[in-house]
Amino acid sequence: MGRGKIEIKLIENPTNRQVTYSKRRNGIFKKAHELSVLCDAKVSLIMFSKNNKMHEYISPGLTTKKIVDQYQKTLGDIDLWRSHYEKMLENLKKLKDINNKLRRQIRHRIGEGLDLDELSFQQLRTLEEDMVASIGKIRERKFHVIKTRTDTCRKKVKSLEQMNGNLLLELETRNQQLHWPMVPPPSMHSVSTILI
């Protein structure tokens, strides 16, 4: 007796939904593999679960890129990579411009490649303000480093002083134990008199 038909709608119970997804995913992958082997077909299957976990099947000897390239070639005028490549080139150009600008600013700030005679009064003034601001930041960072190191050294000194105090206390305790008057053991004569 076969199973009855089920109604095709969203499974409400998340656990049942996940179990059904796993079973049916494995079934589809099995069918894709059979199709690939039996018919020598090029098969690529990509799916994402509700949690955005990717699962894929690709015929042996293929890659997703090869499949997509063949898809592109079959459709003719569609180039799936071109827009992505153009965006990457545009982004690269922006990054190069930013990099060049930053390099120029660094060279100016350290005085390289800068002809002060060619700068206007306003440019000179801006450069001076930038340098003063940079010196302020450097000084602030220097004081922060000095303070941090000083605090660390103080903590080490305090820890060493405490260790020294503990050792001195332990030494005094041992000295006191060694200097206590020892009671001599009773002599044989006194023991015999006690016994009598």
C-alpha atoms as a PDB file:
ATOM      1  CA  MET A   1       0.000   0.000   0.000  1.00  0.00           C
ATOM      2  CA  GLY A   2       1.536   3.342  -1.076  1.00  0.00           C
ATOM      3  CA  ARG A   3       1.656   6.528   0.856  1.00  0.00           C
ATOM      4  CA  GLY A   4      -1.141   9.016   0.401  1.00  0.00           C
ATOM      5  CA  LYS A   5      -0.541  12.376  -1.235  1.00  0.00           C
ATOM      6  CA  ILE A   6       0.446  15.213   1.047  1.00  0.00           C
ATOM      7  CA  GLU A   7      -0.732  18.748   0.669  1.00  0.00           C
ATOM      8  CA  ILE A   8       2.039  20.986  -0.673  1.00  0.00           C
ATOM      9  CA  LYS A   9       2.262  23.818   1.820  1.00  0.00           C
ATOM     10  CA  LEU A  10       4.744  25.134   4.363  1.00  0.00           C
ATOM     11  CA  ILE A  11       5.396  22.654   7.187  1.00  0.00           C
ATOM     12  CA  GLU A  12       4.598  24.544  10.383  1.00  0.00           C
ATOM     13  CA  ASN A  13       6.723  22.487  12.810  1.00  0.00           C
ATOM     14  CA  PRO A  14      10.387  23.614  12.430  1.00  0.00           C
ATOM     15  CA  THR A  15      11.790  20.194  13.381  1.00  0.00           C
ATOM     16  CA  ASN A  16       9.586  18.376  10.863  1.00  0.00           C
ATOM     17  CA  ARG A  17      10.443  21.038   8.262  1.00  0.00           C
ATOM     18  CA  GLN A  18      14.206  20.492   8.791  1.00  0.00           C
ATOM     19  CA  VAL A  19      13.855  16.694   8.629  1.00  0.00           C
ATOM     20  CA  THR A  20      11.805  16.925   5.409  1.00  0.00           C
ATOM     21  CA  TYR A  21      14.363  19.370   3.931  1.00  0.00           C
ATOM     22  CA  SER A  22      17.267  17.009   4.693  1.00  0.00           C
ATOM     23  CA  LYS A  23      15.496  13.940   3.315  1.00  0.00           C
ATOM     24  CA  ARG A  24      14.282  15.642   0.141  1.00  0.00           C
ATOM     25  CA  ARG A  25      17.644  17.362  -0.397  1.00  0.00           C
ATOM     26  CA  ASN A  26      19.386  13.989  -0.244  1.00  0.00           C
ATOM     27  CA  GLY A  27      16.789  12.557  -2.627  1.00  0.00           C
ATOM     28  CA  ILE A  28      17.302  15.384  -5.153  1.00  0.00           C
ATOM     29  CA  PHE A  29      21.102  14.981  -4.930  1.00  0.00           C
ATOM     30  CA  LYS A  30      20.730  11.238  -5.518  1.00  0.00           C
ATOM     31  CA  LYS A  31      18.551  11.879  -8.592  1.00  0.00           C
ATOM     32  CA  ALA A  32      21.048  14.496  -9.877  1.00  0.00           C
ATOM     33  CA  HIS A  33      23.900  12.000  -9.479  1.00  0.00           C
ATOM     34  CA  GLU A  34      21.913   9.259 -11.261  1.00  0.00           C
ATOM     35  CA  LEU A  35      21.074  11.647 -14.114  1.00  0.00           C
ATOM     36  CA  SER A  36      24.735  12.637 -14.398  1.00  0.00           C
ATOM     37  CA  VAL A  37      25.994   9.037 -14.471  1.00  0.00           C
ATOM     38  CA  LEU A  38      23.247   7.383 -16.536  1.00  0.00           C
ATOM     39  CA  CYS A  39      22.879  10.086 -19.184  1.00  0.00           C
ATOM     40  CA  ASP A  40      26.387  11.641 -19.108  1.00  0.00           C
ATOM     41  CA  ALA A  41      24.705  14.969 -18.326  1.00  0.00           C
ATOM     42  CA  LYS A  42      26.416  17.977 -16.773  1.00  0.00           C
ATOM     43  CA  VAL A  43      24.467  18.703 -13.615  1.00  0.00           C
ATOM     44  CA  SER A  44      24.914  21.471 -11.077  1.00  0.00           C
ATOM     45  CA  LEU A  45      22.519  21.846  -8.191  1.00  0.00           C
ATOM     46  CA  ILE A  46      22.829  24.591  -5.571  1.00  0.00           C
ATOM     47  CA  MET A  47      20.382  25.141  -2.721  1.00  0.00           C
ATOM     48  CA  PHE A  48      20.251  27.229   0.419  1.00  0.00           C
ATOM     49  CA  SER A  49      18.397  26.231   3.564  1.00  0.00           C
ATOM     50  CA  LYS A  50      16.265  28.660   5.568  1.00  0.00           C
ATOM     51  CA  ASN A  51      19.383  29.276   7.720  1.00  0.00           C
ATOM     52  CA  ASN A  52      21.383  30.221   4.577  1.00  0.00           C
ATOM     53  CA  LYS A  53      23.425  27.032   4.733  1.00  0.00           C
ATOM     54  CA  MET A  54      24.525  26.121   1.217  1.00  0.00           C
ATOM     55  CA  HIS A  55      24.376  22.591  -0.210  1.00  0.00           C
ATOM     56  CA  GLU A  56      25.492  21.745  -3.728  1.00  0.00           C
ATOM     57  CA  TYR A  57      25.965  18.886  -6.137  1.00  0.00           C
ATOM     58  CA  ILE A  58      28.164  19.143  -9.228  1.00  0.00           C
ATOM     59  CA  SER A  59      28.839  16.377 -11.728  1.00  0.00           C
ATOM     60  CA  PRO A  60      32.279  14.815 -11.226  1.00  0.00           C
ATOM     61  CA  GLY A  61      35.020  16.644 -13.152  1.00  0.00           C
ATOM     62  CA  LEU A  62      33.097  19.947 -13.271  1.00  0.00           C
ATOM     63  CA  THR A  63      33.150  23.166 -11.299  1.00  0.00           C
ATOM     64  CA  THR A  64      30.389  25.676 -10.698  1.00  0.00           C
ATOM     65  CA  LYS A  65      32.344  28.232 -12.768  1.00  0.00           C
ATOM     66  CA  LYS A  66      32.504  25.846 -15.765  1.00  0.00           C
ATOM     67  CA  ILE A  67      28.741  25.277 -15.535  1.00  0.00           C
ATOM     68  CA  VAL A  68      28.021  29.017 -15.300  1.00  0.00           C
ATOM     69  CA  ASP A  69      30.413  29.757 -18.201  1.00  0.00           C
ATOM     70  CA  GLN A  70      28.651  27.156 -20.346  1.00  0.00           C
ATOM     71  CA  TYR A  71      25.276  28.642 -19.336  1.00  0.00           C
ATOM     72  CA  GLN A  72      26.538  32.059 -20.387  1.00  0.00           C
ATOM     73  CA  LYS A  73      27.881  30.765 -23.697  1.00  0.00           C
ATOM     74  CA  THR A  74      24.587  28.992 -24.428  1.00  0.00           C
ATOM     75  CA  LEU A  75      22.545  32.144 -23.789  1.00  0.00           C
ATOM     76  CA  GLY A  76      24.889  34.175 -25.959  1.00  0.00           C
ATOM     77  CA  ASP A  77      24.896  37.838 -25.026  1.00  0.00           C
ATOM     78  CA  ILE A  78      24.675  37.499 -21.233  1.00  0.00           C
ATOM     79  CA  ASP A  79      27.921  38.015 -19.319  1.00  0.00           C
ATOM     80  CA  LEU A  80      27.298  37.271 -15.669  1.00  0.00           C
ATOM     81  CA  TRP A  81      30.829  38.219 -14.622  1.00  0.00           C
ATOM     82  CA  ARG A  82      31.161  41.526 -16.488  1.00  0.00           C
ATOM     83  CA  SER A  83      29.110  43.684 -14.124  1.00  0.00           C
ATOM     84  CA  HIS A  84      30.896  42.175 -11.127  1.00  0.00           C
ATOM     85  CA  TYR A  85      34.272  42.719 -12.816  1.00  0.00           C
ATOM     86  CA  GLU A  86      33.401  46.324 -13.670  1.00  0.00           C
ATOM     87  CA  LYS A  87      32.371  47.005 -10.060  1.00  0.00           C
ATOM     88  CA  MET A  88      35.631  45.508  -8.872  1.00  0.00           C
ATOM     89  CA  LEU A  89      37.610  47.705 -11.292  1.00  0.00           C
ATOM     90  CA  GLU A  90      35.714  50.796 -10.153  1.00  0.00           C
ATOM     91  CA  ASN A  91      36.348  49.907  -6.518  1.00  0.00           C
ATOM     92  CA  LEU A  92      40.032  49.284  -7.274  1.00  0.00           C
ATOM     93  CA  LYS A  93      40.329  52.701  -8.952  1.00  0.00           C
ATOM     94  CA  LYS A  94      38.762  54.410  -5.901  1.00  0.00           C
ATOM     95  CA  LEU A  95      41.110  52.570  -3.550  1.00  0.00           C
ATOM     96  CA  LYS A  96      44.127  53.518  -5.679  1.00  0.00           C
ATOM     97  CA  ASP A  97      43.059  57.171  -5.633  1.00  0.00           C
ATOM     98  CA  ILE A  98      42.671  57.094  -1.848  1.00  0.00           C
ATOM     99  CA  ASN A  99      46.027  55.349  -1.503  1.00  0.00           C
ATOM    100  CA  ASN A 100      47.785  57.934  -3.705  1.00  0.00           C
ATOM    101  CA  LYS A 101      46.199  60.798  -1.775  1.00  0.00           C
ATOM    102  CA  LEU A 102      47.283  59.316   1.552  1.00  0.00           C
ATOM    103  CA  ARG A 103      50.820  58.719   0.270  1.00  0.00           C
ATOM    104  CA  ARG A 104      50.986  62.336  -0.912  1.00  0.00           C
ATOM    105  CA  GLN A 105      49.801  63.583   2.485  1.00  0.00           C
ATOM    106  CA  ILE A 106      52.383  61.424   4.269  1.00  0.00           C
ATOM    107  CA  ARG A 107      55.175  62.714   2.010  1.00  0.00           C
ATOM    108  CA  HIS A 108      54.061  66.294   2.665  1.00  0.00           C
ATOM    109  CA  ARG A 109      53.973  65.761   6.405  1.00  0.00           C
ATOM    110  CA  ILE A 110      57.488  64.353   6.512  1.00  0.00           C
ATOM    111  CA  GLY A 111      58.737  67.052   4.141  1.00  0.00           C
ATOM    112  CA  GLU A 112      59.457  64.817   1.111  1.00  0.00           C
ATOM    113  CA  GLY A 113      58.676  65.944  -2.407  1.00  0.00           C
ATOM    114  CA  LEU A 114      57.444  69.251  -1.083  1.00  0.00           C
ATOM    115  CA  ASP A 115      58.660  72.515  -2.498  1.00  0.00           C
ATOM    116  CA  LEU A 116      57.641  75.079   0.091  1.00  0.00           C
ATOM    117  CA  ASP A 117      58.295  77.919  -2.370  1.00  0.00           C
ATOM    118  CA  GLU A 118      55.454  76.659  -4.580  1.00  0.00           C
ATOM    119  CA  LEU A 119      52.871  76.656  -1.767  1.00  0.00           C
ATOM    120  CA  SER A 120      50.533  79.560  -1.194  1.00  0.00           C
ATOM    121  CA  PHE A 121      50.235  81.251   2.199  1.00  0.00           C
ATOM    122  CA  GLN A 122      46.993  79.371   2.925  1.00  0.00           C
ATOM    123  CA  GLN A 123      48.589  76.026   1.977  1.00  0.00           C
ATOM    124  CA  LEU A 124      51.572  76.792   4.230  1.00  0.00           C
ATOM    125  CA  ARG A 125      49.251  77.706   7.065  1.00  0.00           C
ATOM    126  CA  THR A 126      47.213  74.485   6.597  1.00  0.00           C
ATOM    127  CA  LEU A 127      50.431  72.446   6.527  1.00  0.00           C
ATOM    128  CA  GLU A 128      51.602  74.110   9.744  1.00  0.00           C
ATOM    129  CA  GLU A 129      48.247  73.445  11.450  1.00  0.00           C
ATOM    130  CA  ASP A 130      48.392  69.803  10.345  1.00  0.00           C
ATOM    131  CA  MET A 131      51.910  69.478  11.745  1.00  0.00           C
ATOM    132  CA  VAL A 132      50.940  71.104  15.055  1.00  0.00           C
ATOM    133  CA  ALA A 133      47.931  68.765  15.326  1.00  0.00           C
ATOM    134  CA  SER A 134      50.144  65.764  14.494  1.00  0.00           C
ATOM    135  CA  ILE A 135      52.717  66.809  17.102  1.00  0.00           C
ATOM    136  CA  GLY A 136      49.904  67.120  19.664  1.00  0.00           C
ATOM    137  CA  LYS A 137      48.706  63.591  18.867  1.00  0.00           C
ATOM    138  CA  ILE A 138      52.251  62.234  19.049  1.00  0.00           C
ATOM    139  CA  ARG A 139      52.859  63.969  22.390  1.00  0.00           C
ATOM    140  CA  GLU A 140      49.551  62.657  23.748  1.00  0.00           C
ATOM    141  CA  ARG A 141      50.428  59.115  22.644  1.00  0.00           C
ATOM    142  CA  LYS A 142      53.929  59.445  24.156  1.00  0.00           C
ATOM    143  CA  PHE A 143      52.513  60.553  27.529  1.00  0.00           C
ATOM    144  CA  HIS A 144      50.001  57.705  27.434  1.00  0.00           C
ATOM    145  CA  VAL A 145      52.813  55.179  26.825  1.00  0.00           C
ATOM    146  CA  ILE A 146      54.926  56.711  29.608  1.00  0.00           C
ATOM    147  CA  LYS A 147      51.979  56.638  32.040  1.00  0.00           C
ATOM    148  CA  THR A 148      51.187  53.019  31.161  1.00  0.00           C
ATOM    149  CA  ARG A 149      54.806  51.951  31.635  1.00  0.00           C
ATOM    150  CA  THR A 150      55.080  53.905  34.891  1.00  0.00           C
ATOM    151  CA  ASP A 151      51.909  52.291  36.244  1.00  0.00           C
ATOM    152  CA  THR A 152      53.228  48.859  35.259  1.00  0.00           C
ATOM    153  CA  CYS A 153      56.567  49.536  36.988  1.00  0.00           C
ATOM    154  CA  ARG A 154      54.786  50.770  40.139  1.00  0.00           C
ATOM    155  CA  LYS A 155      52.714  47.587  40.236  1.00  0.00           C
ATOM    156  CA  LYS A 156      55.872  45.482  39.839  1.00  0.00           C
ATOM    157  CA  VAL A 157      57.639  47.428  42.614  1.00  0.00           C
ATOM    158  CA  LYS A 158      54.628  47.032  44.924  1.00  0.00           C
ATOM    159  CA  SER A 159      54.483  43.302  44.178  1.00  0.00           C
ATOM    160  CA  LEU A 160      58.223  42.923  44.836  1.00  0.00           C
ATOM    161  CA  GLU A 161      57.956  44.923  48.093  1.00  0.00           C
ATOM    162  CA  GLN A 162      55.130  42.641  49.221  1.00  0.00           C
ATOM    163  CA  MET A 163      57.154  39.546  48.326  1.00  0.00           C
ATOM    164  CA  ASN A 164      60.148  41.007  50.194  1.00  0.00           C
ATOM    165  CA  GLY A 165      57.987  41.697  53.272  1.00  0.00           C
ATOM    166  CA  ASN A 166      56.634  38.143  53.207  1.00  0.00           C
ATOM    167  CA  LEU A 167      60.146  36.703  52.943  1.00  0.00           C
ATOM    168  CA  LEU A 168      61.373  38.886  55.837  1.00  0.00           C
ATOM    169  CA  LEU A 169      58.450  37.774  57.988  1.00  0.00           C
ATOM    170  CA  GLU A 170      59.146  34.130  57.160  1.00  0.00           C
ATOM    171  CA  LEU A 171      62.843  34.612  57.963  1.00  0.00           C
ATOM    172  CA  GLU A 172      62.044  36.230  61.336  1.00  0.00           C
ATOM    173  CA  THR A 173      59.678  33.374  62.192  1.00  0.00           C
ATOM    174  CA  ARG A 174      62.369  30.794  61.419  1.00  0.00           C
ATOM    175  CA  ASN A 175      64.967  32.740  63.438  1.00  0.00           C
ATOM    176  CA  GLN A 176      62.639  32.860  66.448  1.00  0.00           C
ATOM    177  CA  GLN A 177      62.059  29.114  66.203  1.00  0.00           C
ATOM    178  CA  LEU A 178      65.813  28.447  66.118  1.00  0.00           C
ATOM    179  CA  HIS A 179      66.623  30.742  69.136  1.00  0.00           C
ATOM    180  CA  TRP A 180      63.997  29.409  71.552  1.00  0.00           C
ATOM    181  CA  PRO A 181      65.648  27.873  74.584  1.00  0.00           C
ATOM    182  CA  MET A 182      65.655  24.146  74.220  1.00  0.00           C
ATOM    183  CA  VAL A 183      64.775  22.034  77.248  1.00  0.00           C
ATOM    184  CA  PRO A 184      67.584  19.497  77.793  1.00  0.00           C
ATOM    185  CA  PRO A 185      66.513  15.881  77.813  1.00  0.00           C
ATOM    186  CA  PRO A 186      66.331  14.419  81.304  1.00  0.00           C
ATOM    187  CA  SER A 187      69.531  12.694  82.454  1.00  0.00           C
ATOM    188  CA  MET A 188      69.620   9.061  83.477  1.00  0.00           C
ATOM    189  CA  HIS A 189      70.280  10.020  87.127  1.00  0.00           C
ATOM    190  CA  SER A 190      67.155  12.152  87.356  1.00  0.00           C
ATOM    191  CA  VAL A 191      65.103   9.425  85.678  1.00  0.00           C
ATOM    192  CA  SER A 192      66.307   6.858  88.234  1.00  0.00           C
ATOM    193  CA  THR A 193      65.502   9.169  91.140  1.00  0.00           C
ATOM    194  CA  ILE A 194      62.010   9.712  89.769  1.00  0.00           C
ATOM    195  CA  LEU A 195      61.487   5.989  89.506  1.00  0.00           C
ATOM    196  CA  ILE A 196      62.579   5.427  93.129  1.00  0.00           C
END
